[in-house]
Amino acid sequence: MASLDISQLRNVTSEVIKSAEKHNSKVYNVLGDDQKGNDESFKTIFSAAVDNINTTNAYLSDAENEEIKWALGQTENTHDLSIALQKASTALQYTVAIRDRAMSAYREITQMQI
């Protein structure tokens, strides 16, 4: 049976599906099913941040490729160009917001009195 991503389901009335979403969704359960130690938790969060950066780079690259295709006249579809640009812009804004939060948390930790 193929794996089904249930994290996109919303307004579901069945309690079984709601509990499955809370159990499997990365929104509700950021660190995964099992409660890992601090080292593993940091590793999981850091790898998710790196994946986010890689995804953002892919969106930026796709947008640049669409711009080049449109500039060279290889495509006249401005719809794909605008979608690629919007995806890249949104992903970059999200990545910058995460970076800002991480830097703020780092500054707060370094200013703690021991």
PDB file of N, CA and C in Angstrom:
ATOM      1  N   MET A   1       0.843  -1.169   0.000  1.00  0.00           N
ATOM      2  CA  MET A   1       0.000   0.000   0.000  1.00  0.00           C
ATOM      3  C   MET A   1       0.895   1.241   0.000  1.00  0.00           C
ATOM      4  N   ALA A   2       0.549   2.212  -0.799  1.00  0.00           N
ATOM      5  CA  ALA A   2       1.334   3.437  -0.898  1.00  0.00           C
ATOM      6  C   ALA A   2       1.152   4.290   0.356  1.00  0.00           C
ATOM      7  N   SER A   3       2.191   5.012   0.690  1.00  0.00           N
ATOM      8  CA  SER A   3       2.140   5.894   1.847  1.00  0.00           C
ATOM      9  C   SER A   3       1.322   7.134   1.512  1.00  0.00           C
ATOM     10  N   LEU A   4       0.452   7.533   2.384  1.00  0.00           N
ATOM     11  CA  LEU A   4      -0.417   8.677   2.169  1.00  0.00           C
ATOM     12  C   LEU A   4      -0.039   9.780   3.132  1.00  0.00           C
ATOM     13  N   ASP A   5       0.229  10.963   2.602  1.00  0.00           N
ATOM     14  CA  ASP A   5       0.564  12.111   3.439  1.00  0.00           C
ATOM     15  C   ASP A   5      -0.727  12.720   3.954  1.00  0.00           C
ATOM     16  N   ILE A   6      -0.994  12.523   5.247  1.00  0.00           N
ATOM     17  CA  ILE A   6      -2.243  13.027   5.817  1.00  0.00           C
ATOM     18  C   ILE A   6      -2.069  14.386   6.462  1.00  0.00           C
ATOM     19  N   SER A   7      -0.881  14.973   6.353  1.00  0.00           N
ATOM     20  CA  SER A   7      -0.660  16.257   7.008  1.00  0.00           C
ATOM     21  C   SER A   7      -1.436  17.382   6.334  1.00  0.00           C
ATOM     22  N   GLN A   8      -1.924  17.163   5.115  1.00  0.00           N
ATOM     23  CA  GLN A   8      -2.660  18.202   4.409  1.00  0.00           C
ATOM     24  C   GLN A   8      -4.164  18.125   4.659  1.00  0.00           C
ATOM     25  N   LEU A   9      -4.627  17.116   5.372  1.00  0.00           N
ATOM     26  CA  LEU A   9      -6.055  16.977   5.657  1.00  0.00           C
ATOM     27  C   LEU A   9      -6.486  17.997   6.699  1.00  0.00           C
ATOM     28  N   ARG A  10      -7.555  18.671   6.440  1.00  0.00           N
ATOM     29  CA  ARG A  10      -8.105  19.642   7.376  1.00  0.00           C
ATOM     30  C   ARG A  10      -9.621  19.442   7.453  1.00  0.00           C
ATOM     31  N   ASN A  11     -10.213  19.867   8.544  1.00  0.00           N
ATOM     32  CA  ASN A  11     -11.656  19.787   8.769  1.00  0.00           C
ATOM     33  C   ASN A  11     -12.174  18.358   8.633  1.00  0.00           C
ATOM     34  N   VAL A  12     -11.455  17.419   9.204  1.00  0.00           N
ATOM     35  CA  VAL A  12     -11.841  16.018   9.151  1.00  0.00           C
ATOM     36  C   VAL A  12     -12.634  15.699  10.417  1.00  0.00           C
ATOM     37  N   THR A  13     -13.747  14.979  10.265  1.00  0.00           N
ATOM     38  CA  THR A  13     -14.592  14.721  11.416  1.00  0.00           C
ATOM     39  C   THR A  13     -14.242  13.435  12.141  1.00  0.00           C
ATOM     40  N   SER A  14     -13.607  12.500  11.476  1.00  0.00           N
ATOM     41  CA  SER A  14     -13.293  11.228  12.109  1.00  0.00           C
ATOM     42  C   SER A  14     -12.166  11.400  13.122  1.00  0.00           C
ATOM     43  N   GLU A  15     -12.399  10.969  14.349  1.00  0.00           N
ATOM     44  CA  GLU A  15     -11.394  11.090  15.407  1.00  0.00           C
ATOM     45  C   GLU A  15     -10.171  10.230  15.126  1.00  0.00           C
ATOM     46  N   VAL A  16     -10.350   9.117  14.415  1.00  0.00           N
ATOM     47  CA  VAL A  16      -9.224   8.244  14.087  1.00  0.00           C
ATOM     48  C   VAL A  16      -8.258   8.968  13.157  1.00  0.00           C
ATOM     49  N   ILE A  17      -8.781   9.632  12.159  1.00  0.00           N
ATOM     50  CA  ILE A  17      -7.930  10.353  11.209  1.00  0.00           C
ATOM     51  C   ILE A  17      -7.295  11.555  11.879  1.00  0.00           C
ATOM     52  N   LYS A  18      -8.036  12.251  12.736  1.00  0.00           N
ATOM     53  CA  LYS A  18      -7.459  13.389  13.462  1.00  0.00           C
ATOM     54  C   LYS A  18      -6.307  12.952  14.348  1.00  0.00           C
ATOM     55  N   SER A  19      -6.490  11.834  15.066  1.00  0.00           N
ATOM     56  CA  SER A  19      -5.408  11.367  15.938  1.00  0.00           C
ATOM     57  C   SER A  19      -4.225  10.873  15.124  1.00  0.00           C
ATOM     58  N   ALA A  20      -4.482  10.282  13.961  1.00  0.00           N
ATOM     59  CA  ALA A  20      -3.383   9.846  13.090  1.00  0.00           C
ATOM     60  C   ALA A  20      -2.618  11.048  12.558  1.00  0.00           C
ATOM     61  N   GLU A  21      -3.313  12.124  12.250  1.00  0.00           N
ATOM     62  CA  GLU A  21      -2.625  13.324  11.789  1.00  0.00           C
ATOM     63  C   GLU A  21      -1.750  13.901  12.897  1.00  0.00           C
ATOM     64  N   LYS A  22      -2.272  13.976  14.103  1.00  0.00           N
ATOM     65  CA  LYS A  22      -1.483  14.507  15.213  1.00  0.00           C
ATOM     66  C   LYS A  22      -0.277  13.635  15.502  1.00  0.00           C
ATOM     67  N   HIS A  23      -0.417  12.333  15.302  1.00  0.00           N
ATOM     68  CA  HIS A  23       0.680  11.411  15.579  1.00  0.00           C
ATOM     69  C   HIS A  23       1.753  11.457  14.486  1.00  0.00           C
ATOM     70  N   ASN A  24       1.349  11.604  13.227  1.00  0.00           N
ATOM     71  CA  ASN A  24       2.282  11.513  12.093  1.00  0.00           C
ATOM     72  C   ASN A  24       2.708  12.852  11.525  1.00  0.00           C
ATOM     73  N   SER A  25       1.987  13.904  11.809  1.00  0.00           N
ATOM     74  CA  SER A  25       2.273  15.195  11.205  1.00  0.00           C
ATOM     75  C   SER A  25       3.505  15.843  11.822  1.00  0.00           C
ATOM     76  N   LYS A  26       4.332  16.452  10.986  1.00  0.00           N
ATOM     77  CA  LYS A  26       5.509  17.165  11.477  1.00  0.00           C
ATOM     78  C   LYS A  26       5.111  18.491  12.119  1.00  0.00           C
ATOM     79  N   VAL A  27       3.885  18.950  11.880  1.00  0.00           N
ATOM     80  CA  VAL A  27       3.425  20.191  12.497  1.00  0.00           C
ATOM     81  C   VAL A  27       3.163  19.971  13.977  1.00  0.00           C
ATOM     82  N   TYR A  28       2.491  18.870  14.300  1.00  0.00           N
ATOM     83  CA  TYR A  28       2.159  18.579  15.688  1.00  0.00           C
ATOM     84  C   TYR A  28       3.296  17.883  16.424  1.00  0.00           C
ATOM     85  N   ASN A  29       4.066  17.083  15.700  1.00  0.00           N
ATOM     86  CA  ASN A  29       5.055  16.213  16.314  1.00  0.00           C
ATOM     87  C   ASN A  29       6.413  16.466  15.658  1.00  0.00           C
ATOM     88  N   VAL A  30       7.033  17.561  15.983  1.00  0.00           N
ATOM     89  CA  VAL A  30       8.244  18.018  15.305  1.00  0.00           C
ATOM     90  C   VAL A  30       9.407  17.052  15.477  1.00  0.00           C
ATOM     91  N   LEU A  31       9.559  16.483  16.653  1.00  0.00           N
ATOM     92  CA  LEU A  31      10.711  15.633  16.933  1.00  0.00           C
ATOM     93  C   LEU A  31      10.486  14.174  16.592  1.00  0.00           C
ATOM     94  N   GLY A  32       9.335  13.813  16.085  1.00  0.00           N
ATOM     95  CA  GLY A  32       9.099  12.426  15.728  1.00  0.00           C
ATOM     96  C   GLY A  32       8.361  11.665  16.817  1.00  0.00           C
ATOM     97  N   ASP A  33       8.199  10.361  16.592  1.00  0.00           N
ATOM     98  CA  ASP A  33       7.399   9.535  17.489  1.00  0.00           C
ATOM     99  C   ASP A  33       8.066   9.294  18.825  1.00  0.00           C
ATOM    100  N   ASP A  34       9.291   8.826  18.792  1.00  0.00           N
ATOM    101  CA  ASP A  34       9.950   8.495  20.052  1.00  0.00           C
ATOM    102  C   ASP A  34      10.639   9.714  20.640  1.00  0.00           C
ATOM    103  N   GLN A  35      10.624   9.804  21.934  1.00  0.00           N
ATOM    104  CA  GLN A  35      11.267  10.930  22.607  1.00  0.00           C
ATOM    105  C   GLN A  35      12.757  10.646  22.701  1.00  0.00           C
ATOM    106  N   LYS A  36      13.526  11.354  21.927  1.00  0.00           N
ATOM    107  CA  LYS A  36      14.963  11.136  21.866  1.00  0.00           C
ATOM    108  C   LYS A  36      15.668  12.037  22.866  1.00  0.00           C
ATOM    109  N   GLY A  37      16.948  11.779  23.062  1.00  0.00           N
ATOM    110  CA  GLY A  37      17.738  12.617  23.941  1.00  0.00           C
ATOM    111  C   GLY A  37      17.990  13.977  23.321  1.00  0.00           C
ATOM    112  N   ASN A  38      18.629  14.848  24.070  1.00  0.00           N
ATOM    113  CA  ASN A  38      18.884  16.204  23.588  1.00  0.00           C
ATOM    114  C   ASN A  38      19.744  16.222  22.336  1.00  0.00           C
ATOM    115  N   ASP A  39      20.745  15.339  22.259  1.00  0.00           N
ATOM    116  CA  ASP A  39      21.607  15.298  21.084  1.00  0.00           C
ATOM    117  C   ASP A  39      20.821  14.909  19.840  1.00  0.00           C
ATOM    118  N   GLU A  40      19.970  13.908  19.961  1.00  0.00           N
ATOM    119  CA  GLU A  40      19.169  13.456  18.827  1.00  0.00           C
ATOM    120  C   GLU A  40      18.121  14.497  18.445  1.00  0.00           C
ATOM    121  N   SER A  41      17.549  15.191  19.425  1.00  0.00           N
ATOM    122  CA  SER A  41      16.558  16.217  19.136  1.00  0.00           C
ATOM    123  C   SER A  41      17.190  17.351  18.342  1.00  0.00           C
ATOM    124  N   PHE A  42      18.366  17.792  18.791  1.00  0.00           N
ATOM    125  CA  PHE A  42      19.053  18.851  18.066  1.00  0.00           C
ATOM    126  C   PHE A  42      19.418  18.400  16.662  1.00  0.00           C
ATOM    127  N   LYS A  43      19.857  17.161  16.552  1.00  0.00           N
ATOM    128  CA  LYS A  43      20.227  16.610  15.245  1.00  0.00           C
ATOM    129  C   LYS A  43      19.016  16.601  14.306  1.00  0.00           C
ATOM    130  N   THR A  44      17.866  16.217  14.829  1.00  0.00           N
ATOM    131  CA  THR A  44      16.644  16.177  14.025  1.00  0.00           C
ATOM    132  C   THR A  44      16.239  17.572  13.571  1.00  0.00           C
ATOM    133  N   ILE A  45      16.259  18.518  14.488  1.00  0.00           N
ATOM    134  CA  ILE A  45      15.879  19.890  14.139  1.00  0.00           C
ATOM    135  C   ILE A  45      16.878  20.497  13.168  1.00  0.00           C
ATOM    136  N   PHE A  46      18.172  20.241  13.386  1.00  0.00           N
ATOM    137  CA  PHE A  46      19.201  20.794  12.498  1.00  0.00           C
ATOM    138  C   PHE A  46      19.087  20.194  11.100  1.00  0.00           C
ATOM    139  N   SER A  47      18.831  18.905  11.001  1.00  0.00           N
ATOM    140  CA  SER A  47      18.696  18.292   9.677  1.00  0.00           C
ATOM    141  C   SER A  47      17.446  18.815   8.966  1.00  0.00           C
ATOM    142  N   ALA A  48      16.382  19.093   9.716  1.00  0.00           N
ATOM    143  CA  ALA A  48      15.184  19.686   9.101  1.00  0.00           C
ATOM    144  C   ALA A  48      15.493  21.090   8.585  1.00  0.00           C
ATOM    145  N   ALA A  49      16.301  21.848   9.320  1.00  0.00           N
ATOM    146  CA  ALA A  49      16.686  23.194   8.868  1.00  0.00           C
ATOM    147  C   ALA A  49      17.542  23.119   7.601  1.00  0.00           C
ATOM    148  N   VAL A  50      18.449  22.158   7.554  1.00  0.00           N
ATOM    149  CA  VAL A  50      19.287  21.989   6.357  1.00  0.00           C
ATOM    150  C   VAL A  50      18.428  21.580   5.159  1.00  0.00           C
ATOM    151  N   ASP A  51      17.452  20.697   5.383  1.00  0.00           N
ATOM    152  CA  ASP A  51      16.534  20.319   4.309  1.00  0.00           C
ATOM    153  C   ASP A  51      15.739  21.522   3.821  1.00  0.00           C
ATOM    154  N   ASN A  52      15.348  22.395   4.748  1.00  0.00           N
ATOM    155  CA  ASN A  52      14.631  23.615   4.385  1.00  0.00           C
ATOM    156  C   ASN A  52      15.499  24.510   3.504  1.00  0.00           C
ATOM    157  N   ILE A  53      16.763  24.634   3.839  1.00  0.00           N
ATOM    158  CA  ILE A  53      17.677  25.452   3.038  1.00  0.00           C
ATOM    159  C   ILE A  53      17.857  24.847   1.653  1.00  0.00           C
ATOM    160  N   ASN A  54      17.994  23.527   1.580  1.00  0.00           N
ATOM    161  CA  ASN A  54      18.143  22.866   0.282  1.00  0.00           C
ATOM    162  C   ASN A  54      16.898  23.041  -0.582  1.00  0.00           C
ATOM    163  N   THR A  55      15.734  22.969   0.029  1.00  0.00           N
ATOM    164  CA  THR A  55      14.486  23.179  -0.701  1.00  0.00           C
ATOM    165  C   THR A  55      14.397  24.613  -1.209  1.00  0.00           C
ATOM    166  N   THR A  56      14.775  25.564  -0.371  1.00  0.00           N
ATOM    167  CA  THR A  56      14.771  26.968  -0.783  1.00  0.00           C
ATOM    168  C   THR A  56      15.718  27.190  -1.951  1.00  0.00           C
ATOM    169  N   ASN A  57      16.905  26.595  -1.892  1.00  0.00           N
ATOM    170  CA  ASN A  57      17.847  26.714  -2.999  1.00  0.00           C
ATOM    171  C   ASN A  57      17.277  26.121  -4.282  1.00  0.00           C
ATOM    172  N   ALA A  58      16.568  25.003  -4.172  1.00  0.00           N
ATOM    173  CA  ALA A  58      15.951  24.388  -5.347  1.00  0.00           C
ATOM    174  C   ALA A  58      14.892  25.307  -5.948  1.00  0.00           C
ATOM    175  N   TYR A  59      14.057  25.921  -5.096  1.00  0.00           N
ATOM    176  CA  TYR A  59      13.043  26.851  -5.600  1.00  0.00           C
ATOM    177  C   TYR A  59      13.687  28.070  -6.266  1.00  0.00           C
ATOM    178  N   LEU A  60      14.764  28.585  -5.680  1.00  0.00           N
ATOM    179  CA  LEU A  60      15.449  29.724  -6.278  1.00  0.00           C
ATOM    180  C   LEU A  60      16.064  29.349  -7.618  1.00  0.00           C
ATOM    181  N   SER A  61      16.615  28.152  -7.697  1.00  0.00           N
ATOM    182  CA  SER A  61      17.197  27.677  -8.950  1.00  0.00           C
ATOM    183  C   SER A  61      16.120  27.492 -10.023  1.00  0.00           C
ATOM    184  N   ASP A  62      14.983  26.921  -9.636  1.00  0.00           N
ATOM    185  CA  ASP A  62      13.878  26.757 -10.582  1.00  0.00           C
ATOM    186  C   ASP A  62      13.386  28.101 -11.102  1.00  0.00           C
ATOM    187  N   ALA A  63      13.288  29.076 -10.207  1.00  0.00           N
ATOM    188  CA  ALA A  63      12.841  30.410 -10.618  1.00  0.00           C
ATOM    189  C   ALA A  63      13.835  31.036 -11.587  1.00  0.00           C
ATOM    190  N   GLU A  64      15.112  30.867 -11.303  1.00  0.00           N
ATOM    191  CA  GLU A  64      16.138  31.414 -12.201  1.00  0.00           C
ATOM    192  C   GLU A  64      16.087  30.734 -13.568  1.00  0.00           C
ATOM    193  N   ASN A  65      15.881  29.418 -13.573  1.00  0.00           N
ATOM    194  CA  ASN A  65      15.773  28.693 -14.842  1.00  0.00           C
ATOM    195  C   ASN A  65      14.561  29.158 -15.642  1.00  0.00           C
ATOM    196  N   GLU A  66      13.441  29.381 -14.966  1.00  0.00           N
ATOM    197  CA  GLU A  66      12.240  29.882 -15.656  1.00  0.00           C
ATOM    198  C   GLU A  66      12.477  31.289 -16.219  1.00  0.00           C
ATOM    199  N   GLU A  67      13.179  32.130 -15.467  1.00  0.00           N
ATOM    200  CA  GLU A  67      13.498  33.474 -15.967  1.00  0.00           C
ATOM    201  C   GLU A  67      14.375  33.402 -17.215  1.00  0.00           C
ATOM    202  N   ILE A  68      15.350  32.510 -17.193  1.00  0.00           N
ATOM    203  CA  ILE A  68      16.247  32.364 -18.345  1.00  0.00           C
ATOM    204  C   ILE A  68      15.477  31.853 -19.553  1.00  0.00           C
ATOM    205  N   LYS A  69      14.612  30.856 -19.360  1.00  0.00           N
ATOM    206  CA  LYS A  69      13.800  30.338 -20.465  1.00  0.00           C
ATOM    207  C   LYS A  69      12.925  31.431 -21.063  1.00  0.00           C
ATOM    208  N   TRP A  70      12.312  32.227 -20.167  1.00  0.00           N
ATOM    209  CA  TRP A  70      11.434  33.288 -20.655  1.00  0.00           C
ATOM    210  C   TRP A  70      12.238  34.368 -21.379  1.00  0.00           C
ATOM    211  N   ALA A  71      13.419  34.724 -20.862  1.00  0.00           N
ATOM    212  CA  ALA A  71      14.251  35.757 -21.484  1.00  0.00           C
ATOM    213  C   ALA A  71      14.781  35.308 -22.842  1.00  0.00           C
ATOM    214  N   LEU A  72      15.059  34.027 -22.995  1.00  0.00           N
ATOM    215  CA  LEU A  72      15.575  33.506 -24.261  1.00  0.00           C
ATOM    216  C   LEU A  72      14.465  33.214 -25.262  1.00  0.00           C
ATOM    217  N   GLY A  73      13.232  33.337 -24.825  1.00  0.00           N
ATOM    218  CA  GLY A  73      12.107  33.101 -25.718  1.00  0.00           C
ATOM    219  C   GLY A  73      11.774  31.635 -25.890  1.00  0.00           C
ATOM    220  N   GLN A  74      12.289  30.787 -25.034  1.00  0.00           N
ATOM    221  CA  GLN A  74      12.008  29.359 -25.137  1.00  0.00           C
ATOM    222  C   GLN A  74      10.605  29.026 -24.642  1.00  0.00           C
ATOM    223  N   THR A  75      10.027  29.930 -23.877  1.00  0.00           N
ATOM    224  CA  THR A  75       8.659  29.744 -23.410  1.00  0.00           C
ATOM    225  C   THR A  75       7.964  31.097 -23.371  1.00  0.00           C
ATOM    226  N   GLU A  76       6.663  31.068 -23.622  1.00  0.00           N
ATOM    227  CA  GLU A  76       5.874  32.288 -23.531  1.00  0.00           C
ATOM    228  C   GLU A  76       4.884  32.201 -22.372  1.00  0.00           C
ATOM    229  N   ASN A  77       5.003  31.158 -21.580  1.00  0.00           N
ATOM    230  CA  ASN A  77       4.087  30.923 -20.473  1.00  0.00           C
ATOM    231  C   ASN A  77       4.566  31.707 -19.248  1.00  0.00           C
ATOM    232  N   THR A  78       3.971  32.853 -19.049  1.00  0.00           N
ATOM    233  CA  THR A  78       4.348  33.668 -17.893  1.00  0.00           C
ATOM    234  C   THR A  78       3.752  33.129 -16.596  1.00  0.00           C
ATOM    235  N   HIS A  79       2.763  32.250 -16.730  1.00  0.00           N
ATOM    236  CA  HIS A  79       2.138  31.656 -15.550  1.00  0.00           C
ATOM    237  C   HIS A  79       3.161  30.816 -14.775  1.00  0.00           C
ATOM    238  N   ASP A  80       3.905  29.951 -15.488  1.00  0.00           N
ATOM    239  CA  ASP A  80       4.929  29.133 -14.823  1.00  0.00           C
ATOM    240  C   ASP A  80       6.018  30.009 -14.212  1.00  0.00           C
ATOM    241  N   LEU A  81       6.370  31.080 -14.906  1.00  0.00           N
ATOM    242  CA  LEU A  81       7.379  32.001 -14.393  1.00  0.00           C
ATOM    243  C   LEU A  81       6.909  32.654 -13.101  1.00  0.00           C
ATOM    244  N   SER A  82       5.683  33.136 -13.080  1.00  0.00           N
ATOM    245  CA  SER A  82       5.192  33.811 -11.878  1.00  0.00           C
ATOM    246  C   SER A  82       5.033  32.833 -10.713  1.00  0.00           C
ATOM    247  N   ILE A  83       4.631  31.597 -10.997  1.00  0.00           N
ATOM    248  CA  ILE A  83       4.517  30.594  -9.929  1.00  0.00           C
ATOM    249  C   ILE A  83       5.886  30.282  -9.358  1.00  0.00           C
ATOM    250  N   ALA A  84       6.885  30.086 -10.224  1.00  0.00           N
ATOM    251  CA  ALA A  84       8.241  29.777  -9.757  1.00  0.00           C
ATOM    252  C   ALA A  84       8.803  30.930  -8.931  1.00  0.00           C
ATOM    253  N   LEU A  85       8.570  32.168  -9.370  1.00  0.00           N
ATOM    254  CA  LEU A  85       9.056  33.322  -8.628  1.00  0.00           C
ATOM    255  C   LEU A  85       8.371  33.444  -7.262  1.00  0.00           C
ATOM    256  N   GLN A  86       7.073  33.182  -7.216  1.00  0.00           N
ATOM    257  CA  GLN A  86       6.346  33.276  -5.948  1.00  0.00           C
ATOM    258  C   GLN A  86       6.782  32.182  -4.979  1.00  0.00           C
ATOM    259  N   LYS A  87       6.987  30.958  -5.492  1.00  0.00           N
ATOM    260  CA  LYS A  87       7.470  29.872  -4.628  1.00  0.00           C
ATOM    261  C   LYS A  87       8.834  30.221  -4.046  1.00  0.00           C
ATOM    262  N   ALA A  88       9.714  30.749  -4.894  1.00  0.00           N
ATOM    263  CA  ALA A  88      11.057  31.112  -4.429  1.00  0.00           C
ATOM    264  C   ALA A  88      10.992  32.226  -3.397  1.00  0.00           C
ATOM    265  N   SER A  89      10.155  33.210  -3.640  1.00  0.00           N
ATOM    266  CA  SER A  89      10.028  34.326  -2.714  1.00  0.00           C
ATOM    267  C   SER A  89       9.483  33.873  -1.370  1.00  0.00           C
ATOM    268  N   THR A  90       8.445  33.058  -1.380  1.00  0.00           N
ATOM    269  CA  THR A  90       7.849  32.566  -0.143  1.00  0.00           C
ATOM    270  C   THR A  90       8.829  31.687   0.629  1.00  0.00           C
ATOM    271  N   ALA A  91       9.522  30.800  -0.073  1.00  0.00           N
ATOM    272  CA  ALA A  91      10.491  29.920   0.596  1.00  0.00           C
ATOM    273  C   ALA A  91      11.632  30.731   1.192  1.00  0.00           C
ATOM    274  N   LEU A  92      12.083  31.755   0.490  1.00  0.00           N
ATOM    275  CA  LEU A  92      13.169  32.581   1.003  1.00  0.00           C
ATOM    276  C   LEU A  92      12.725  33.373   2.230  1.00  0.00           C
ATOM    277  N   GLN A  93      11.520  33.915   2.204  1.00  0.00           N
ATOM    278  CA  GLN A  93      10.999  34.635   3.366  1.00  0.00           C
ATOM    279  C   GLN A  93      10.877  33.707   4.570  1.00  0.00           C
ATOM    280  N   TYR A  94      10.419  32.490   4.353  1.00  0.00           N
ATOM    281  CA  TYR A  94      10.292  31.513   5.427  1.00  0.00           C
ATOM    282  C   TYR A  94      11.660  31.161   6.001  1.00  0.00           C
ATOM    283  N   THR A  95      12.634  30.947   5.126  1.00  0.00           N
ATOM    284  CA  THR A  95      13.985  30.594   5.570  1.00  0.00           C
ATOM    285  C   THR A  95      14.618  31.734   6.356  1.00  0.00           C
ATOM    286  N   VAL A  96      14.434  32.952   5.899  1.00  0.00           N
ATOM    287  CA  VAL A  96      14.980  34.110   6.617  1.00  0.00           C
ATOM    288  C   VAL A  96      14.305  34.261   7.978  1.00  0.00           C
ATOM    289  N   ALA A  97      13.007  34.010   8.045  1.00  0.00           N
ATOM    290  CA  ALA A  97      12.298  34.094   9.328  1.00  0.00           C
ATOM    291  C   ALA A  97      12.820  33.045  10.304  1.00  0.00           C
ATOM    292  N   ILE A  98      13.077  31.845   9.817  1.00  0.00           N
ATOM    293  CA  ILE A  98      13.632  30.792  10.681  1.00  0.00           C
ATOM    294  C   ILE A  98      15.028  31.181  11.136  1.00  0.00           C
ATOM    295  N   ARG A  99      15.826  31.720  10.231  1.00  0.00           N
ATOM    296  CA  ARG A  99      17.183  32.147  10.603  1.00  0.00           C
ATOM    297  C   ARG A  99      17.138  33.227  11.671  1.00  0.00           C
ATOM    298  N   ASP A 100      16.230  34.192  11.497  1.00  0.00           N
ATOM    299  CA  ASP A 100      16.100  35.270  12.481  1.00  0.00           C
ATOM    300  C   ASP A 100      15.710  34.729  13.848  1.00  0.00           C
ATOM    301  N   ARG A 101      14.778  33.772  13.884  1.00  0.00           N
ATOM    302  CA  ARG A 101      14.368  33.180  15.155  1.00  0.00           C
ATOM    303  C   ARG A 101      15.520  32.406  15.793  1.00  0.00           C
ATOM    304  N   ALA A 102      16.268  31.666  14.964  1.00  0.00           N
ATOM    305  CA  ALA A 102      17.398  30.901  15.493  1.00  0.00           C
ATOM    306  C   ALA A 102      18.470  31.835  16.049  1.00  0.00           C
ATOM    307  N   MET A 103      18.748  32.920  15.363  1.00  0.00           N
ATOM    308  CA  MET A 103      19.740  33.885  15.845  1.00  0.00           C
ATOM    309  C   MET A 103      19.266  34.556  17.125  1.00  0.00           C
ATOM    310  N   SER A 104      17.994  34.862  17.211  1.00  0.00           N
ATOM    311  CA  SER A 104      17.438  35.461  18.421  1.00  0.00           C
ATOM    312  C   SER A 104      17.559  34.498  19.600  1.00  0.00           C
ATOM    313  N   ALA A 105      17.265  33.224  19.360  1.00  0.00           N
ATOM    314  CA  ALA A 105      17.393  32.219  20.425  1.00  0.00           C
ATOM    315  C   ALA A 105      18.849  32.058  20.833  1.00  0.00           C
ATOM    316  N   TYR A 106      19.747  32.079  19.877  1.00  0.00           N
ATOM    317  CA  TYR A 106      21.177  31.953  20.185  1.00  0.00           C
ATOM    318  C   TYR A 106      21.650  33.133  21.037  1.00  0.00           C
ATOM    319  N   ARG A 107      21.238  34.355  20.654  1.00  0.00           N
ATOM    320  CA  ARG A 107      21.620  35.535  21.433  1.00  0.00           C
ATOM    321  C   ARG A 107      21.081  35.455  22.860  1.00  0.00           C
ATOM    322  N   GLU A 108      19.853  34.983  22.979  1.00  0.00           N
ATOM    323  CA  GLU A 108      19.256  34.871  24.308  1.00  0.00           C
ATOM    324  C   GLU A 108      19.993  33.825  25.147  1.00  0.00           C
ATOM    325  N   ILE A 109      20.391  32.723  24.559  1.00  0.00           N
ATOM    326  CA  ILE A 109      21.132  31.691  25.293  1.00  0.00           C
ATOM    327  C   ILE A 109      22.497  32.211  25.714  1.00  0.00           C
ATOM    328  N   THR A 110      23.179  32.939  24.826  1.00  0.00           N
ATOM    329  CA  THR A 110      24.515  33.426  25.168  1.00  0.00           C
ATOM    330  C   THR A 110      24.465  34.500  26.244  1.00  0.00           C
ATOM    331  N   GLN A 111      23.350  35.187  26.420  1.00  0.00           N
ATOM    332  CA  GLN A 111      23.233  36.219  27.436  1.00  0.00           C
ATOM    333  C   GLN A 111      22.734  35.699  28.779  1.00  0.00           C
ATOM    334  N   MET A 112      22.466  34.407  28.858  1.00  0.00           N
ATOM    335  CA  MET A 112      21.997  33.831  30.126  1.00  0.00           C
ATOM    336  C   MET A 112      23.116  33.837  31.162  1.00  0.00           C
ATOM    337  N   GLN A 113      22.725  34.124  32.384  1.00  0.00           N
ATOM    338  CA  GLN A 113      23.676  34.067  33.490  1.00  0.00           C
ATOM    339  C   GLN A 113      23.709  32.650  34.040  1.00  0.00           C
ATOM    340  N   ILE A 114      24.893  32.168  34.263  1.00  0.00           N
ATOM    341  CA  ILE A 114      25.031  30.807  34.779  1.00  0.00           C
ATOM    342  C   ILE A 114      25.228  30.855  36.289  1.00  0.00           C
TER     343      ILE A 114
END
